[in-house]
Amino acid sequence: MSTGTIERFETARMLCERAQFDQAPDHLRLLLDSRVSATLWPRRSSPTEAEILDGLAAKVDHWDRHGFGMWLLRDRQTGEMVGRGGLQHTYTSGLNDVEAGWAIVPERWGQGLATELAHACVDVGFEQLDLLEIIAFTQPENVASRRVMEKAGFEYERDIIHAGLPHVLYRRRRRP
């Protein structure tokens, strides 16, 4: 992670900006893409525009309540939106945790942006938020996301059910 604040900072290739409601068109473009929603959406049906906007409102509220949350990701060179991700409180598998999550536009899959963001999430979580551990989870067949978790130092913990669907839970603990 390079210079900035938790609300706006740069990685090697991305500008990460606090999620805000005026970014709705970018969030809609990303999350209405069926290739993206297939890995993120907790139901088999695709999300509606209203559901995505409700979700964005919840992300903005999370920032207001907790002082951290999801970022909109932009390419540092072009300013083009390349994804969304960050840290958020989550309740899964009977526990309250802080989750690292990411979603990259399909046109940029396979370029290492999710891994770059996952590392930034770990840095922010451990160095700035003083978290002791961070979780990440995905559906078992999402091999790409599982690989990102492993590259960022997360370790497989167990299979869980989240939102009524099978998922795999990974955890990363802060090293002393």
C-alpha atoms as a PDB file:
ATOM      1  CA  MET A   1       0.000   0.000   0.000  1.00  0.00           C
ATOM      2  CA  SER A   2       1.290   3.459  -0.779  1.00  0.00           C
ATOM      3  CA  THR A   3       0.516   6.849   0.689  1.00  0.00           C
ATOM      4  CA  GLY A   4      -2.958   7.999   1.610  1.00  0.00           C
ATOM      5  CA  THR A   5      -5.570   7.587   4.270  1.00  0.00           C
ATOM      6  CA  ILE A   6      -7.813   4.644   4.948  1.00  0.00           C
ATOM      7  CA  GLU A   7     -10.561   6.427   2.961  1.00  0.00           C
ATOM      8  CA  ARG A   8      -8.423   7.012  -0.129  1.00  0.00           C
ATOM      9  CA  PHE A   9      -5.092   5.392  -0.929  1.00  0.00           C
ATOM     10  CA  GLU A  10      -3.111   3.926  -3.775  1.00  0.00           C
ATOM     11  CA  THR A  11      -1.676   0.501  -4.408  1.00  0.00           C
ATOM     12  CA  ALA A  12       0.807  -0.202  -7.184  1.00  0.00           C
ATOM     13  CA  ARG A  13      -1.933  -0.126  -9.851  1.00  0.00           C
ATOM     14  CA  MET A  14      -5.133   1.044  -8.176  1.00  0.00           C
ATOM     15  CA  LEU A  15      -6.675   4.043  -6.509  1.00  0.00           C
ATOM     16  CA  CYS A  16      -8.935   2.866  -3.682  1.00  0.00           C
ATOM     17  CA  GLU A  17     -11.699   5.303  -2.686  1.00  0.00           C
ATOM     18  CA  ARG A  18     -14.222   4.981   0.139  1.00  0.00           C
ATOM     19  CA  ALA A  19     -17.544   3.665  -1.206  1.00  0.00           C
ATOM     20  CA  GLN A  20     -20.003   6.527  -1.639  1.00  0.00           C
ATOM     21  CA  PHE A  21     -23.485   6.752  -3.051  1.00  0.00           C
ATOM     22  CA  ASP A  22     -22.448   9.024  -5.921  1.00  0.00           C
ATOM     23  CA  GLN A  23     -20.455   6.052  -7.270  1.00  0.00           C
ATOM     24  CA  ALA A  24     -23.692   4.110  -7.825  1.00  0.00           C
ATOM     25  CA  PRO A  25     -23.294   3.863 -11.635  1.00  0.00           C
ATOM     26  CA  ASP A  26     -19.915   2.150 -11.206  1.00  0.00           C
ATOM     27  CA  HIS A  27     -21.232  -0.240  -8.549  1.00  0.00           C
ATOM     28  CA  LEU A  28     -24.224  -1.086 -10.724  1.00  0.00           C
ATOM     29  CA  ARG A  29     -22.051  -1.766 -13.771  1.00  0.00           C
ATOM     30  CA  LEU A  30     -19.840  -4.105 -11.747  1.00  0.00           C
ATOM     31  CA  LEU A  31     -22.468  -5.954  -9.742  1.00  0.00           C
ATOM     32  CA  LEU A  32     -25.102  -6.297 -12.465  1.00  0.00           C
ATOM     33  CA  ASP A  33     -22.578  -8.197 -14.583  1.00  0.00           C
ATOM     34  CA  SER A  34     -23.754 -11.806 -14.337  1.00  0.00           C
ATOM     35  CA  ARG A  35     -20.150 -13.077 -14.312  1.00  0.00           C
ATOM     36  CA  VAL A  36     -19.483 -11.057 -11.150  1.00  0.00           C
ATOM     37  CA  SER A  37     -22.807 -11.658  -9.404  1.00  0.00           C
ATOM     38  CA  ALA A  38     -22.425 -15.414  -9.941  1.00  0.00           C
ATOM     39  CA  THR A  39     -19.552 -15.407  -7.445  1.00  0.00           C
ATOM     40  CA  LEU A  40     -20.818 -12.735  -5.022  1.00  0.00           C
ATOM     41  CA  TRP A  41     -24.562 -12.861  -4.867  1.00  0.00           C
ATOM     42  CA  PRO A  42     -25.932 -15.122  -2.129  1.00  0.00           C
ATOM     43  CA  ARG A  43     -28.868 -16.288  -4.223  1.00  0.00           C
ATOM     44  CA  ARG A  44     -29.017 -18.183  -7.478  1.00  0.00           C
ATOM     45  CA  SER A  45     -30.967 -15.347  -9.135  1.00  0.00           C
ATOM     46  CA  SER A  46     -29.120 -12.210 -10.237  1.00  0.00           C
ATOM     47  CA  PRO A  47     -29.402  -9.072  -8.107  1.00  0.00           C
ATOM     48  CA  THR A  48     -31.731  -6.258  -9.072  1.00  0.00           C
ATOM     49  CA  GLU A  49     -30.680  -2.647  -9.390  1.00  0.00           C
ATOM     50  CA  ALA A  50     -32.643  -1.843  -6.221  1.00  0.00           C
ATOM     51  CA  GLU A  51     -30.853  -4.601  -4.281  1.00  0.00           C
ATOM     52  CA  ILE A  52     -27.468  -3.308  -5.377  1.00  0.00           C
ATOM     53  CA  LEU A  53     -28.372   0.252  -4.404  1.00  0.00           C
ATOM     54  CA  ASP A  54     -29.596  -0.990  -1.011  1.00  0.00           C
ATOM     55  CA  GLY A  55     -26.292  -2.828  -0.631  1.00  0.00           C
ATOM     56  CA  LEU A  56     -24.342   0.312  -1.523  1.00  0.00           C
ATOM     57  CA  ALA A  57     -26.319   2.275   1.069  1.00  0.00           C
ATOM     58  CA  ALA A  58     -25.346  -0.380   3.633  1.00  0.00           C
ATOM     59  CA  LYS A  59     -21.674  -0.059   2.597  1.00  0.00           C
ATOM     60  CA  VAL A  60     -21.824   3.733   3.036  1.00  0.00           C
ATOM     61  CA  ASP A  61     -23.489   3.266   6.433  1.00  0.00           C
ATOM     62  CA  HIS A  62     -20.778   0.754   7.435  1.00  0.00           C
ATOM     63  CA  TRP A  63     -18.135   3.424   6.786  1.00  0.00           C
ATOM     64  CA  ASP A  64     -20.083   5.941   8.882  1.00  0.00           C
ATOM     65  CA  ARG A  65     -20.489   3.526  11.792  1.00  0.00           C
ATOM     66  CA  HIS A  66     -17.105   1.783  11.798  1.00  0.00           C
ATOM     67  CA  GLY A  67     -14.617   4.106  10.092  1.00  0.00           C
ATOM     68  CA  PHE A  68     -13.689   1.531   7.445  1.00  0.00           C
ATOM     69  CA  GLY A  69     -15.374  -0.465   4.743  1.00  0.00           C
ATOM     70  CA  MET A  70     -15.468  -1.141   1.022  1.00  0.00           C
ATOM     71  CA  TRP A  71     -13.556   0.863  -1.546  1.00  0.00           C
ATOM     72  CA  LEU A  72     -14.314   1.509  -5.186  1.00  0.00           C
ATOM     73  CA  LEU A  73     -11.214   0.574  -7.165  1.00  0.00           C
ATOM     74  CA  ARG A  74      -9.931   2.633 -10.075  1.00  0.00           C
ATOM     75  CA  ASP A  75      -7.007   2.070 -12.408  1.00  0.00           C
ATOM     76  CA  ARG A  76      -4.308   4.572 -11.397  1.00  0.00           C
ATOM     77  CA  GLN A  77      -3.349   5.245 -15.018  1.00  0.00           C
ATOM     78  CA  THR A  78      -6.770   5.617 -16.642  1.00  0.00           C
ATOM     79  CA  GLY A  79      -9.148   6.337 -13.737  1.00  0.00           C
ATOM     80  CA  GLU A  80     -11.401   3.568 -15.038  1.00  0.00           C
ATOM     81  CA  MET A  81     -13.348   1.585 -12.429  1.00  0.00           C
ATOM     82  CA  VAL A  82     -11.802  -1.879 -12.065  1.00  0.00           C
ATOM     83  CA  GLY A  83     -13.682  -3.252  -9.064  1.00  0.00           C
ATOM     84  CA  ARG A  84     -14.771  -3.003  -5.483  1.00  0.00           C
ATOM     85  CA  GLY A  85     -13.399  -4.474  -2.295  1.00  0.00           C
ATOM     86  CA  GLY A  86     -12.242  -3.876   1.210  1.00  0.00           C
ATOM     87  CA  LEU A  87     -13.006  -4.796   4.787  1.00  0.00           C
ATOM     88  CA  GLN A  88     -16.357  -5.082   6.508  1.00  0.00           C
ATOM     89  CA  HIS A  89     -17.958  -6.584   9.565  1.00  0.00           C
ATOM     90  CA  THR A  90     -19.784  -9.787   8.791  1.00  0.00           C
ATOM     91  CA  TYR A  91     -21.701 -12.423  10.678  1.00  0.00           C
ATOM     92  CA  THR A  92     -21.110 -15.872   9.309  1.00  0.00           C
ATOM     93  CA  SER A  93     -20.919 -19.362  10.703  1.00  0.00           C
ATOM     94  CA  GLY A  94     -22.097 -18.130  14.097  1.00  0.00           C
ATOM     95  CA  LEU A  95     -19.301 -15.592  14.521  1.00  0.00           C
ATOM     96  CA  ASN A  96     -18.846 -11.848  14.129  1.00  0.00           C
ATOM     97  CA  ASP A  97     -15.700 -11.216  12.123  1.00  0.00           C
ATOM     98  CA  VAL A  98     -14.127  -8.697   9.795  1.00  0.00           C
ATOM     99  CA  GLU A  99     -14.114  -9.948   6.227  1.00  0.00           C
ATOM    100  CA  ALA A 100     -11.847  -9.037   3.336  1.00  0.00           C
ATOM    101  CA  GLY A 101     -13.720  -9.097   0.047  1.00  0.00           C
ATOM    102  CA  TRP A 102     -13.134  -8.188  -3.580  1.00  0.00           C
ATOM    103  CA  ALA A 103     -14.786  -8.109  -6.966  1.00  0.00           C
ATOM    104  CA  ILE A 104     -12.920  -7.190 -10.138  1.00  0.00           C
ATOM    105  CA  VAL A 105     -14.449  -6.352 -13.523  1.00  0.00           C
ATOM    106  CA  PRO A 106     -14.224  -9.465 -15.726  1.00  0.00           C
ATOM    107  CA  GLU A 107     -12.161  -7.636 -18.345  1.00  0.00           C
ATOM    108  CA  ARG A 108      -9.363  -7.388 -15.752  1.00  0.00           C
ATOM    109  CA  TRP A 109      -9.578 -10.918 -14.309  1.00  0.00           C
ATOM    110  CA  GLY A 110      -6.286 -12.754 -14.187  1.00  0.00           C
ATOM    111  CA  GLN A 111      -4.177  -9.591 -13.860  1.00  0.00           C
ATOM    112  CA  GLY A 112      -3.503  -9.874 -10.120  1.00  0.00           C
ATOM    113  CA  LEU A 113      -5.680  -6.922  -9.062  1.00  0.00           C
ATOM    114  CA  ALA A 114      -7.666  -8.988  -6.535  1.00  0.00           C
ATOM    115  CA  THR A 115      -4.432 -10.244  -4.972  1.00  0.00           C
ATOM    116  CA  GLU A 116      -3.084  -6.695  -4.832  1.00  0.00           C
ATOM    117  CA  LEU A 117      -6.251  -5.607  -3.063  1.00  0.00           C
ATOM    118  CA  ALA A 118      -6.245  -8.602  -0.708  1.00  0.00           C
ATOM    119  CA  HIS A 119      -2.733  -7.636   0.416  1.00  0.00           C
ATOM    120  CA  ALA A 120      -3.891  -4.025   0.917  1.00  0.00           C
ATOM    121  CA  CYS A 121      -6.824  -5.275   3.024  1.00  0.00           C
ATOM    122  CA  VAL A 122      -4.426  -7.237   5.224  1.00  0.00           C
ATOM    123  CA  ASP A 123      -2.139  -4.211   5.596  1.00  0.00           C
ATOM    124  CA  VAL A 124      -5.001  -1.868   6.513  1.00  0.00           C
ATOM    125  CA  GLY A 125      -6.631  -4.414   8.813  1.00  0.00           C
ATOM    126  CA  PHE A 126      -3.524  -5.281  10.795  1.00  0.00           C
ATOM    127  CA  GLU A 127      -1.526  -2.046  10.639  1.00  0.00           C
ATOM    128  CA  GLN A 128      -4.200   0.650  10.764  1.00  0.00           C
ATOM    129  CA  LEU A 129      -7.230  -1.035  12.349  1.00  0.00           C
ATOM    130  CA  ASP A 130      -5.170  -3.217  14.701  1.00  0.00           C
ATOM    131  CA  LEU A 131      -7.264  -6.301  13.937  1.00  0.00           C
ATOM    132  CA  LEU A 132      -6.075  -9.646  15.251  1.00  0.00           C
ATOM    133  CA  GLU A 133      -7.544 -11.646  12.376  1.00  0.00           C
ATOM    134  CA  ILE A 134      -9.419 -11.275   9.102  1.00  0.00           C
ATOM    135  CA  ILE A 135     -11.585 -13.815   7.326  1.00  0.00           C
ATOM    136  CA  ALA A 136     -12.449 -14.342   3.688  1.00  0.00           C
ATOM    137  CA  PHE A 137     -14.948 -16.759   2.221  1.00  0.00           C
ATOM    138  CA  THR A 138     -16.328 -17.819  -1.118  1.00  0.00           C
ATOM    139  CA  GLN A 139     -18.268 -20.576  -2.782  1.00  0.00           C
ATOM    140  CA  PRO A 140     -16.183 -23.766  -3.054  1.00  0.00           C
ATOM    141  CA  GLU A 141     -16.046 -23.715  -6.849  1.00  0.00           C
ATOM    142  CA  ASN A 142     -14.623 -20.171  -6.972  1.00  0.00           C
ATOM    143  CA  VAL A 143     -11.064 -21.391  -7.419  1.00  0.00           C
ATOM    144  CA  ALA A 144      -9.761 -17.963  -8.484  1.00  0.00           C
ATOM    145  CA  SER A 145     -10.898 -16.294  -5.260  1.00  0.00           C
ATOM    146  CA  ARG A 146      -9.548 -19.160  -3.173  1.00  0.00           C
ATOM    147  CA  ARG A 147      -6.192 -18.717  -4.886  1.00  0.00           C
ATOM    148  CA  VAL A 148      -6.240 -14.985  -4.065  1.00  0.00           C
ATOM    149  CA  MET A 149      -6.878 -15.828  -0.410  1.00  0.00           C
ATOM    150  CA  GLU A 150      -3.944 -18.226  -0.345  1.00  0.00           C
ATOM    151  CA  LYS A 151      -1.602 -15.747  -2.068  1.00  0.00           C
ATOM    152  CA  ALA A 152      -2.553 -13.150   0.567  1.00  0.00           C
ATOM    153  CA  GLY A 153      -1.688 -15.520   3.405  1.00  0.00           C
ATOM    154  CA  PHE A 154      -5.180 -16.714   4.336  1.00  0.00           C
ATOM    155  CA  GLU A 155      -5.457 -20.351   5.355  1.00  0.00           C
ATOM    156  CA  TYR A 156      -8.384 -22.644   4.732  1.00  0.00           C
ATOM    157  CA  GLU A 157     -10.262 -23.205   7.991  1.00  0.00           C
ATOM    158  CA  ARG A 158     -13.432 -25.124   7.162  1.00  0.00           C
ATOM    159  CA  ASP A 159     -16.534 -25.503   5.050  1.00  0.00           C
ATOM    160  CA  ILE A 160     -19.486 -23.349   6.136  1.00  0.00           C
ATOM    161  CA  ILE A 161     -22.995 -22.470   5.062  1.00  0.00           C
ATOM    162  CA  HIS A 162     -23.463 -18.765   4.338  1.00  0.00           C
ATOM    163  CA  ALA A 163     -26.711 -17.279   3.041  1.00  0.00           C
ATOM    164  CA  GLY A 164     -27.997 -20.828   2.684  1.00  0.00           C
ATOM    165  CA  LEU A 165     -25.194 -21.850   0.294  1.00  0.00           C
ATOM    166  CA  PRO A 166     -21.988 -23.856   0.782  1.00  0.00           C
ATOM    167  CA  HIS A 167     -18.887 -21.713   1.207  1.00  0.00           C
ATOM    168  CA  VAL A 168     -15.281 -22.206   2.265  1.00  0.00           C
ATOM    169  CA  LEU A 169     -13.924 -20.090   5.110  1.00  0.00           C
ATOM    170  CA  TYR A 170     -10.343 -18.857   5.177  1.00  0.00           C
ATOM    171  CA  ARG A 171      -8.686 -16.945   8.020  1.00  0.00           C
ATOM    172  CA  ARG A 172      -5.536 -14.896   8.406  1.00  0.00           C
ATOM    173  CA  ARG A 173      -4.198 -14.125  11.850  1.00  0.00           C
ATOM    174  CA  ARG A 174      -1.872 -11.231  12.586  1.00  0.00           C
ATOM    175  CA  ARG A 175       1.621 -12.470  13.180  1.00  0.00           C
ATOM    176  CA  PRO A 176       3.358 -11.273  16.354  1.00  0.00           C
END
